[in-house]
Amino acid sequence: MESLIDLNNILNDYDIIFWNGTLGVVENKYYCKGSECLLNMLIKSGKKVIIGGGDTASFVNKHNSNFNGYISTGGGASIEYLSNGSLVGIN
């Protein structure tokens, strides 16, 4: 629980949140609680949220229909673009 409180405090410091990768093996219902909590924190935050990656996108679509952010299935490509400011095929 302390980790989720710390994570929530960190999220409060930023206006734009980029989430790439679930928190654990979310295919198993016993290990998806952290990702569910993070998703709910992001939704309640009212901040601009960008989801990157097919697994994370699938998790969000499966667990909450109230998500109102941007979802990209290109996780690695999203990180590459944010890190380097360019990506093959994007001018």
PDB file of N, CA and C in Angstrom:
ATOM      1  N   MET A   1       0.816  -1.188   0.000  1.00  0.00           N
ATOM      2  CA  MET A   1       0.000   0.000   0.000  1.00  0.00           C
ATOM      3  C   MET A   1       0.865   1.259   0.000  1.00  0.00           C
ATOM      4  N   GLU A   2       1.991   1.239   0.708  1.00  0.00           N
ATOM      5  CA  GLU A   2       2.876   2.401   0.741  1.00  0.00           C
ATOM      6  C   GLU A   2       3.391   2.755  -0.644  1.00  0.00           C
ATOM      7  N   SER A   3       3.668   1.744  -1.460  1.00  0.00           N
ATOM      8  CA  SER A   3       4.156   1.991  -2.817  1.00  0.00           C
ATOM      9  C   SER A   3       3.117   2.736  -3.639  1.00  0.00           C
ATOM     10  N   LEU A   4       1.845   2.387  -3.482  1.00  0.00           N
ATOM     11  CA  LEU A   4       0.787   3.069  -4.228  1.00  0.00           C
ATOM     12  C   LEU A   4       0.619   4.509  -3.747  1.00  0.00           C
ATOM     13  N   ILE A   5       0.784   4.744  -2.470  1.00  0.00           N
ATOM     14  CA  ILE A   5       0.723   6.108  -1.943  1.00  0.00           C
ATOM     15  C   ILE A   5       1.882   6.932  -2.508  1.00  0.00           C
ATOM     16  N   ASP A   6       3.075   6.344  -2.517  1.00  0.00           N
ATOM     17  CA  ASP A   6       4.240   7.026  -3.091  1.00  0.00           C
ATOM     18  C   ASP A   6       4.018   7.320  -4.574  1.00  0.00           C
ATOM     19  N   LEU A   7       3.498   6.349  -5.301  1.00  0.00           N
ATOM     20  CA  LEU A   7       3.230   6.525  -6.727  1.00  0.00           C
ATOM     21  C   LEU A   7       2.217   7.645  -6.948  1.00  0.00           C
ATOM     22  N   ASN A   8       1.172   7.681  -6.154  1.00  0.00           N
ATOM     23  CA  ASN A   8       0.168   8.729  -6.278  1.00  0.00           C
ATOM     24  C   ASN A   8       0.780  10.106  -6.013  1.00  0.00           C
ATOM     25  N   ASN A   9       1.667  10.194  -5.033  1.00  0.00           N
ATOM     26  CA  ASN A   9       2.343  11.460  -4.746  1.00  0.00           C
ATOM     27  C   ASN A   9       3.214  11.908  -5.913  1.00  0.00           C
ATOM     28  N   ILE A  10       3.883  10.967  -6.560  1.00  0.00           N
ATOM     29  CA  ILE A  10       4.705  11.291  -7.733  1.00  0.00           C
ATOM     30  C   ILE A  10       3.821  11.776  -8.877  1.00  0.00           C
ATOM     31  N   LEU A  11       2.699  11.098  -9.100  1.00  0.00           N
ATOM     32  CA  LEU A  11       1.794  11.489 -10.189  1.00  0.00           C
ATOM     33  C   LEU A  11       1.281  12.910 -10.004  1.00  0.00           C
ATOM     34  N   ASN A  12       1.106  13.332  -8.762  1.00  0.00           N
ATOM     35  CA  ASN A  12       0.603  14.680  -8.495  1.00  0.00           C
ATOM     36  C   ASN A  12       1.564  15.775  -8.940  1.00  0.00           C
ATOM     37  N   ASP A  13       2.838  15.436  -9.138  1.00  0.00           N
ATOM     38  CA  ASP A  13       3.847  16.421  -9.526  1.00  0.00           C
ATOM     39  C   ASP A  13       3.867  16.726 -11.022  1.00  0.00           C
ATOM     40  N   TYR A  14       3.111  15.993 -11.823  1.00  0.00           N
ATOM     41  CA  TYR A  14       3.204  16.127 -13.274  1.00  0.00           C
ATOM     42  C   TYR A  14       1.842  16.376 -13.910  1.00  0.00           C
ATOM     43  N   ASP A  15       1.866  17.094 -15.037  1.00  0.00           N
ATOM     44  CA  ASP A  15       0.628  17.395 -15.764  1.00  0.00           C
ATOM     45  C   ASP A  15       0.316  16.362 -16.839  1.00  0.00           C
ATOM     46  N   ILE A  16       1.357  15.740 -17.366  1.00  0.00           N
ATOM     47  CA  ILE A  16       1.206  14.722 -18.404  1.00  0.00           C
ATOM     48  C   ILE A  16       1.852  13.436 -17.898  1.00  0.00           C
ATOM     49  N   ILE A  17       1.106  12.338 -17.966  1.00  0.00           N
ATOM     50  CA  ILE A  17       1.598  11.039 -17.495  1.00  0.00           C
ATOM     51  C   ILE A  17       1.673  10.092 -18.687  1.00  0.00           C
ATOM     52  N   PHE A  18       2.825   9.450 -18.857  1.00  0.00           N
ATOM     53  CA  PHE A  18       3.017   8.440 -19.890  1.00  0.00           C
ATOM     54  C   PHE A  18       3.186   7.095 -19.189  1.00  0.00           C
ATOM     55  N   TRP A  19       2.288   6.159 -19.495  1.00  0.00           N
ATOM     56  CA  TRP A  19       2.340   4.829 -18.870  1.00  0.00           C
ATOM     57  C   TRP A  19       2.599   3.785 -19.942  1.00  0.00           C
ATOM     58  N   ASN A  20       3.710   3.091 -19.816  1.00  0.00           N
ATOM     59  CA  ASN A  20       4.057   2.037 -20.758  1.00  0.00           C
ATOM     60  C   ASN A  20       4.431   0.799 -19.953  1.00  0.00           C
ATOM     61  N   GLY A  21       3.556  -0.161 -19.939  1.00  0.00           N
ATOM     62  CA  GLY A  21       3.835  -1.415 -19.248  1.00  0.00           C
ATOM     63  C   GLY A  21       3.039  -1.571 -17.975  1.00  0.00           C
ATOM     64  N   THR A  22       2.346  -2.671 -17.873  1.00  0.00           N
ATOM     65  CA  THR A  22       1.556  -2.948 -16.678  1.00  0.00           C
ATOM     66  C   THR A  22       2.473  -3.290 -15.511  1.00  0.00           C
ATOM     67  N   LEU A  23       1.907  -3.288 -14.320  1.00  0.00           N
ATOM     68  CA  LEU A  23       2.676  -3.567 -13.110  1.00  0.00           C
ATOM     69  C   LEU A  23       2.517  -5.036 -12.734  1.00  0.00           C
ATOM     70  N   GLY A  24       3.212  -5.885 -13.427  1.00  0.00           N
ATOM     71  CA  GLY A  24       3.152  -7.307 -13.119  1.00  0.00           C
ATOM     72  C   GLY A  24       2.388  -8.117 -14.145  1.00  0.00           C
ATOM     73  N   VAL A  25       2.136  -9.340 -13.804  1.00  0.00           N
ATOM     74  CA  VAL A  25       1.488 -10.308 -14.696  1.00  0.00           C
ATOM     75  C   VAL A  25      -0.026 -10.125 -14.590  1.00  0.00           C
ATOM     76  N   VAL A  26      -0.563  -9.187 -15.353  1.00  0.00           N
ATOM     77  CA  VAL A  26      -1.977  -8.837 -15.221  1.00  0.00           C
ATOM     78  C   VAL A  26      -2.914  -9.880 -15.827  1.00  0.00           C
ATOM     79  N   GLU A  27      -2.367 -10.813 -16.550  1.00  0.00           N
ATOM     80  CA  GLU A  27      -3.195 -11.891 -17.088  1.00  0.00           C
ATOM     81  C   GLU A  27      -3.731 -12.781 -15.969  1.00  0.00           C
ATOM     82  N   ASN A  28      -3.051 -12.769 -14.841  1.00  0.00           N
ATOM     83  CA  ASN A  28      -3.476 -13.523 -13.670  1.00  0.00           C
ATOM     84  C   ASN A  28      -4.180 -12.553 -12.718  1.00  0.00           C
ATOM     85  N   LYS A  29      -5.439 -12.808 -12.414  1.00  0.00           N
ATOM     86  CA  LYS A  29      -6.238 -11.868 -11.624  1.00  0.00           C
ATOM     87  C   LYS A  29      -5.639 -11.572 -10.246  1.00  0.00           C
ATOM     88  N   TYR A  30      -4.803 -12.453  -9.743  1.00  0.00           N
ATOM     89  CA  TYR A  30      -4.192 -12.248  -8.433  1.00  0.00           C
ATOM     90  C   TYR A  30      -3.042 -11.243  -8.461  1.00  0.00           C
ATOM     91  N   TYR A  31      -2.566 -10.897  -9.650  1.00  0.00           N
ATOM     92  CA  TYR A  31      -1.418 -10.016  -9.764  1.00  0.00           C
ATOM     93  C   TYR A  31      -1.713  -8.714 -10.495  1.00  0.00           C
ATOM     94  N   CYS A  32      -2.973  -8.397 -10.704  1.00  0.00           N
ATOM     95  CA  CYS A  32      -3.294  -7.190 -11.464  1.00  0.00           C
ATOM     96  C   CYS A  32      -3.758  -6.026 -10.584  1.00  0.00           C
ATOM     97  N   LYS A  33      -3.758  -6.190  -9.286  1.00  0.00           N
ATOM     98  CA  LYS A  33      -4.254  -5.150  -8.382  1.00  0.00           C
ATOM     99  C   LYS A  33      -3.465  -3.839  -8.511  1.00  0.00           C
ATOM    100  N   GLY A  34      -2.155  -3.924  -8.614  1.00  0.00           N
ATOM    101  CA  GLY A  34      -1.338  -2.715  -8.747  1.00  0.00           C
ATOM    102  C   GLY A  34      -1.689  -1.927  -9.998  1.00  0.00           C
ATOM    103  N   SER A  35      -1.833  -2.618 -11.114  1.00  0.00           N
ATOM    104  CA  SER A  35      -2.197  -1.952 -12.364  1.00  0.00           C
ATOM    105  C   SER A  35      -3.609  -1.378 -12.290  1.00  0.00           C
ATOM    106  N   GLU A  36      -4.513  -2.091 -11.648  1.00  0.00           N
ATOM    107  CA  GLU A  36      -5.877  -1.571 -11.481  1.00  0.00           C
ATOM    108  C   GLU A  36      -5.872  -0.291 -10.648  1.00  0.00           C
ATOM    109  N   CYS A  37      -5.098  -0.285  -9.574  1.00  0.00           N
ATOM    110  CA  CYS A  37      -5.005   0.901  -8.724  1.00  0.00           C
ATOM    111  C   CYS A  37      -4.379   2.071  -9.485  1.00  0.00           C
ATOM    112  N   LEU A  38      -3.315   1.802 -10.238  1.00  0.00           N
ATOM    113  CA  LEU A  38      -2.679   2.853 -11.023  1.00  0.00           C
ATOM    114  C   LEU A  38      -3.666   3.425 -12.037  1.00  0.00           C
ATOM    115  N   LEU A  39      -4.382   2.569 -12.726  1.00  0.00           N
ATOM    116  CA  LEU A  39      -5.358   3.030 -13.707  1.00  0.00           C
ATOM    117  C   LEU A  39      -6.409   3.920 -13.052  1.00  0.00           C
ATOM    118  N   ASN A  40      -6.915   3.514 -11.917  1.00  0.00           N
ATOM    119  CA  ASN A  40      -7.908   4.327 -11.210  1.00  0.00           C
ATOM    120  C   ASN A  40      -7.328   5.662 -10.749  1.00  0.00           C
ATOM    121  N   MET A  41      -6.077   5.668 -10.305  1.00  0.00           N
ATOM    122  CA  MET A  41      -5.430   6.921  -9.912  1.00  0.00           C
ATOM    123  C   MET A  41      -5.300   7.858 -11.106  1.00  0.00           C
ATOM    124  N   LEU A  42      -4.927   7.292 -12.255  1.00  0.00           N
ATOM    125  CA  LEU A  42      -4.759   8.112 -13.458  1.00  0.00           C
ATOM    126  C   LEU A  42      -6.090   8.704 -13.900  1.00  0.00           C
ATOM    127  N   ILE A  43      -7.140   7.907 -13.850  1.00  0.00           N
ATOM    128  CA  ILE A  43      -8.458   8.391 -14.248  1.00  0.00           C
ATOM    129  C   ILE A  43      -8.924   9.503 -13.308  1.00  0.00           C
ATOM    130  N   LYS A  44      -8.755   9.295 -12.013  1.00  0.00           N
ATOM    131  CA  LYS A  44      -9.208  10.282 -11.021  1.00  0.00           C
ATOM    132  C   LYS A  44      -8.360  11.547 -11.020  1.00  0.00           C
ATOM    133  N   SER A  45      -7.127  11.457 -11.513  1.00  0.00           N
ATOM    134  CA  SER A  45      -6.214  12.599 -11.464  1.00  0.00           C
ATOM    135  C   SER A  45      -6.680  13.751 -12.343  1.00  0.00           C
ATOM    136  N   GLY A  46      -7.388  13.445 -13.424  1.00  0.00           N
ATOM    137  CA  GLY A  46      -7.821  14.482 -14.352  1.00  0.00           C
ATOM    138  C   GLY A  46      -6.697  15.017 -15.216  1.00  0.00           C
ATOM    139  N   LYS A  47      -5.548  14.364 -15.169  1.00  0.00           N
ATOM    140  CA  LYS A  47      -4.393  14.812 -15.947  1.00  0.00           C
ATOM    141  C   LYS A  47      -4.397  14.183 -17.329  1.00  0.00           C
ATOM    142  N   LYS A  48      -3.579  14.722 -18.208  1.00  0.00           N
ATOM    143  CA  LYS A  48      -3.430  14.157 -19.542  1.00  0.00           C
ATOM    144  C   LYS A  48      -2.637  12.862 -19.403  1.00  0.00           C
ATOM    145  N   VAL A  49      -3.204  11.750 -19.876  1.00  0.00           N
ATOM    146  CA  VAL A  49      -2.572  10.441 -19.731  1.00  0.00           C
ATOM    147  C   VAL A  49      -2.387   9.820 -21.107  1.00  0.00           C
ATOM    148  N   ILE A  50      -1.188   9.330 -21.348  1.00  0.00           N
ATOM    149  CA  ILE A  50      -0.857   8.643 -22.594  1.00  0.00           C
ATOM    150  C   ILE A  50      -0.465   7.219 -22.233  1.00  0.00           C
ATOM    151  N   ILE A  51      -1.154   6.260 -22.824  1.00  0.00           N
ATOM    152  CA  ILE A  51      -0.874   4.843 -22.615  1.00  0.00           C
ATOM    153  C   ILE A  51      -0.087   4.345 -23.817  1.00  0.00           C
ATOM    154  N   GLY A  52       1.036   3.700 -23.580  1.00  0.00           N
ATOM    155  CA  GLY A  52       1.849   3.170 -24.658  1.00  0.00           C
ATOM    156  C   GLY A  52       2.034   1.672 -24.504  1.00  0.00           C
ATOM    157  N   GLY A  53       1.820   0.954 -25.574  1.00  0.00           N
ATOM    158  CA  GLY A  53       2.047  -0.485 -25.568  1.00  0.00           C
ATOM    159  C   GLY A  53       0.775  -1.286 -25.657  1.00  0.00           C
ATOM    160  N   GLY A  54       0.826  -2.344 -26.450  1.00  0.00           N
ATOM    161  CA  GLY A  54      -0.346  -3.172 -26.676  1.00  0.00           C
ATOM    162  C   GLY A  54      -0.869  -3.863 -25.441  1.00  0.00           C
ATOM    163  N   ASP A  55       0.027  -4.374 -24.599  1.00  0.00           N
ATOM    164  CA  ASP A  55      -0.413  -5.051 -23.379  1.00  0.00           C
ATOM    165  C   ASP A  55      -1.094  -4.073 -22.426  1.00  0.00           C
ATOM    166  N   THR A  56      -0.519  -2.889 -22.291  1.00  0.00           N
ATOM    167  CA  THR A  56      -1.105  -1.881 -21.413  1.00  0.00           C
ATOM    168  C   THR A  56      -2.433  -1.392 -21.974  1.00  0.00           C
ATOM    169  N   ALA A  57      -2.480  -1.174 -23.277  1.00  0.00           N
ATOM    170  CA  ALA A  57      -3.729  -0.748 -23.931  1.00  0.00           C
ATOM    171  C   ALA A  57      -4.819  -1.787 -23.735  1.00  0.00           C
ATOM    172  N   SER A  58      -4.473  -3.041 -23.906  1.00  0.00           N
ATOM    173  CA  SER A  58      -5.434  -4.124 -23.713  1.00  0.00           C
ATOM    174  C   SER A  58      -5.942  -4.152 -22.278  1.00  0.00           C
ATOM    175  N   PHE A  59      -5.031  -3.969 -21.321  1.00  0.00           N
ATOM    176  CA  PHE A  59      -5.414  -3.951 -19.913  1.00  0.00           C
ATOM    177  C   PHE A  59      -6.398  -2.814 -19.638  1.00  0.00           C
ATOM    178  N   VAL A  60      -6.093  -1.632 -20.122  1.00  0.00           N
ATOM    179  CA  VAL A  60      -6.954  -0.468 -19.898  1.00  0.00           C
ATOM    180  C   VAL A  60      -8.328  -0.700 -20.513  1.00  0.00           C
ATOM    181  N   ASN A  61      -8.351  -1.179 -21.742  1.00  0.00           N
ATOM    182  CA  ASN A  61      -9.633  -1.418 -22.409  1.00  0.00           C
ATOM    183  C   ASN A  61     -10.462  -2.485 -21.706  1.00  0.00           C
ATOM    184  N   LYS A  62      -9.805  -3.458 -21.128  1.00  0.00           N
ATOM    185  CA  LYS A  62     -10.508  -4.545 -20.448  1.00  0.00           C
ATOM    186  C   LYS A  62     -11.017  -4.137 -19.068  1.00  0.00           C
ATOM    187  N   HIS A  63     -10.273  -3.283 -18.366  1.00  0.00           N
ATOM    188  CA  HIS A  63     -10.581  -3.006 -16.965  1.00  0.00           C
ATOM    189  C   HIS A  63     -11.314  -1.699 -16.703  1.00  0.00           C
ATOM    190  N   ASN A  64     -11.389  -0.815 -17.681  1.00  0.00           N
ATOM    191  CA  ASN A  64     -12.089   0.433 -17.394  1.00  0.00           C
ATOM    192  C   ASN A  64     -12.525   1.121 -18.673  1.00  0.00           C
ATOM    193  N   SER A  65     -13.797   1.307 -18.807  1.00  0.00           N
ATOM    194  CA  SER A  65     -14.323   1.984 -19.992  1.00  0.00           C
ATOM    195  C   SER A  65     -14.387   3.496 -19.788  1.00  0.00           C
ATOM    196  N   ASN A  66     -14.010   3.990 -18.607  1.00  0.00           N
ATOM    197  CA  ASN A  66     -14.052   5.417 -18.321  1.00  0.00           C
ATOM    198  C   ASN A  66     -12.756   6.138 -18.651  1.00  0.00           C
ATOM    199  N   PHE A  67     -11.768   5.426 -19.171  1.00  0.00           N
ATOM    200  CA  PHE A  67     -10.490   6.055 -19.492  1.00  0.00           C
ATOM    201  C   PHE A  67     -10.676   7.029 -20.646  1.00  0.00           C
ATOM    202  N   ASN A  68     -10.198   8.258 -20.450  1.00  0.00           N
ATOM    203  CA  ASN A  68     -10.370   9.283 -21.465  1.00  0.00           C
ATOM    204  C   ASN A  68      -9.021   9.899 -21.819  1.00  0.00           C
ATOM    205  N   GLY A  69      -8.095   9.060 -22.199  1.00  0.00           N
ATOM    206  CA  GLY A  69      -6.775   9.532 -22.581  1.00  0.00           C
ATOM    207  C   GLY A  69      -6.405   8.986 -23.941  1.00  0.00           C
ATOM    208  N   TYR A  70      -5.151   9.100 -24.279  1.00  0.00           N
ATOM    209  CA  TYR A  70      -4.649   8.631 -25.557  1.00  0.00           C
ATOM    210  C   TYR A  70      -4.032   7.248 -25.372  1.00  0.00           C
ATOM    211  N   ILE A  71      -4.365   6.322 -26.246  1.00  0.00           N
ATOM    212  CA  ILE A  71      -3.815   4.968 -26.183  1.00  0.00           C
ATOM    213  C   ILE A  71      -3.107   4.659 -27.495  1.00  0.00           C
ATOM    214  N   SER A  72      -1.850   4.248 -27.397  1.00  0.00           N
ATOM    215  CA  SER A  72      -1.068   3.824 -28.551  1.00  0.00           C
ATOM    216  C   SER A  72      -0.623   2.388 -28.330  1.00  0.00           C
ATOM    217  N   THR A  73      -0.795   1.553 -29.333  1.00  0.00           N
ATOM    218  CA  THR A  73      -0.322   0.174 -29.204  1.00  0.00           C
ATOM    219  C   THR A  73       1.168   0.064 -29.471  1.00  0.00           C
ATOM    220  N   GLY A  74       1.789   1.134 -29.919  1.00  0.00           N
ATOM    221  CA  GLY A  74       3.219   1.142 -30.203  1.00  0.00           C
ATOM    222  C   GLY A  74       4.025   1.570 -28.996  1.00  0.00           C
ATOM    223  N   GLY A  75       4.228   0.698 -28.041  1.00  0.00           N
ATOM    224  CA  GLY A  75       4.937   1.054 -26.814  1.00  0.00           C
ATOM    225  C   GLY A  75       6.390   1.397 -27.043  1.00  0.00           C
ATOM    226  N   GLY A  76       7.110   0.496 -27.697  1.00  0.00           N
ATOM    227  CA  GLY A  76       8.527   0.740 -27.969  1.00  0.00           C
ATOM    228  C   GLY A  76       8.721   1.947 -28.866  1.00  0.00           C
ATOM    229  N   ALA A  77       7.872   2.089 -29.862  1.00  0.00           N
ATOM    230  CA  ALA A  77       7.950   3.231 -30.766  1.00  0.00           C
ATOM    231  C   ALA A  77       7.640   4.531 -30.027  1.00  0.00           C
ATOM    232  N   SER A  78       6.682   4.485 -29.115  1.00  0.00           N
ATOM    233  CA  SER A  78       6.341   5.682 -28.331  1.00  0.00           C
ATOM    234  C   SER A  78       7.525   6.125 -27.482  1.00  0.00           C
ATOM    235  N   ILE A  79       8.183   5.184 -26.838  1.00  0.00           N
ATOM    236  CA  ILE A  79       9.343   5.511 -26.017  1.00  0.00           C
ATOM    237  C   ILE A  79      10.479   6.048 -26.888  1.00  0.00           C
ATOM    238  N   GLU A  80      10.694   5.431 -28.023  1.00  0.00           N
ATOM    239  CA  GLU A  80      11.732   5.885 -28.943  1.00  0.00           C
ATOM    240  C   GLU A  80      11.479   7.326 -29.370  1.00  0.00           C
ATOM    241  N   TYR A  81      10.240   7.634 -29.716  1.00  0.00           N
ATOM    242  CA  TYR A  81       9.899   8.989 -30.150  1.00  0.00           C
ATOM    243  C   TYR A  81      10.070   9.993 -29.013  1.00  0.00           C
ATOM    244  N   LEU A  82       9.609   9.655 -27.821  1.00  0.00           N
ATOM    245  CA  LEU A  82       9.749  10.570 -26.686  1.00  0.00           C
ATOM    246  C   LEU A  82      11.208  10.755 -26.282  1.00  0.00           C
ATOM    247  N   SER A  83      12.005   9.698 -26.410  1.00  0.00           N
ATOM    248  CA  SER A  83      13.416   9.764 -26.009  1.00  0.00           C
ATOM    249  C   SER A  83      14.272  10.552 -26.982  1.00  0.00           C
ATOM    250  N   ASN A  84      14.027  10.339 -28.271  1.00  0.00           N
ATOM    251  CA  ASN A  84      14.905  10.908 -29.294  1.00  0.00           C
ATOM    252  C   ASN A  84      14.289  12.052 -30.087  1.00  0.00           C
ATOM    253  N   GLY A  85      12.997  12.250 -29.972  1.00  0.00           N
ATOM    254  CA  GLY A  85      12.347  13.329 -30.713  1.00  0.00           C
ATOM    255  C   GLY A  85      12.131  13.042 -32.174  1.00  0.00           C
ATOM    256  N   SER A  86      12.447  11.829 -32.579  1.00  0.00           N
ATOM    257  CA  SER A  86      12.212  11.471 -33.979  1.00  0.00           C
ATOM    258  C   SER A  86      11.945   9.964 -34.053  1.00  0.00           C
ATOM    259  N   LEU A  87      11.329   9.596 -35.171  1.00  0.00           N
ATOM    260  CA  LEU A  87      11.015   8.192 -35.390  1.00  0.00           C
ATOM    261  C   LEU A  87      10.927   7.969 -36.892  1.00  0.00           C
ATOM    262  N   VAL A  88      11.450   6.868 -37.364  1.00  0.00           N
ATOM    263  CA  VAL A  88      11.397   6.560 -38.775  1.00  0.00           C
ATOM    264  C   VAL A  88       9.943   6.614 -39.238  1.00  0.00           C
ATOM    265  N   GLY A  89       9.697   7.332 -40.307  1.00  0.00           N
ATOM    266  CA  GLY A  89       8.338   7.443 -40.849  1.00  0.00           C
ATOM    267  C   GLY A  89       7.598   8.667 -40.351  1.00  0.00           C
ATOM    268  N   ILE A  90       8.144   9.347 -39.329  1.00  0.00           N
ATOM    269  CA  ILE A  90       7.536  10.571 -38.829  1.00  0.00           C
ATOM    270  C   ILE A  90       8.524  11.714 -39.050  1.00  0.00           C
ATOM    271  N   ASN A  91       8.116  12.702 -39.779  1.00  0.00           N
ATOM    272  CA  ASN A  91       9.002  13.844 -40.068  1.00  0.00           C
ATOM    273  C   ASN A  91       8.928  14.869 -38.978  1.00  0.00           C
TER     274      ASN A  91
END
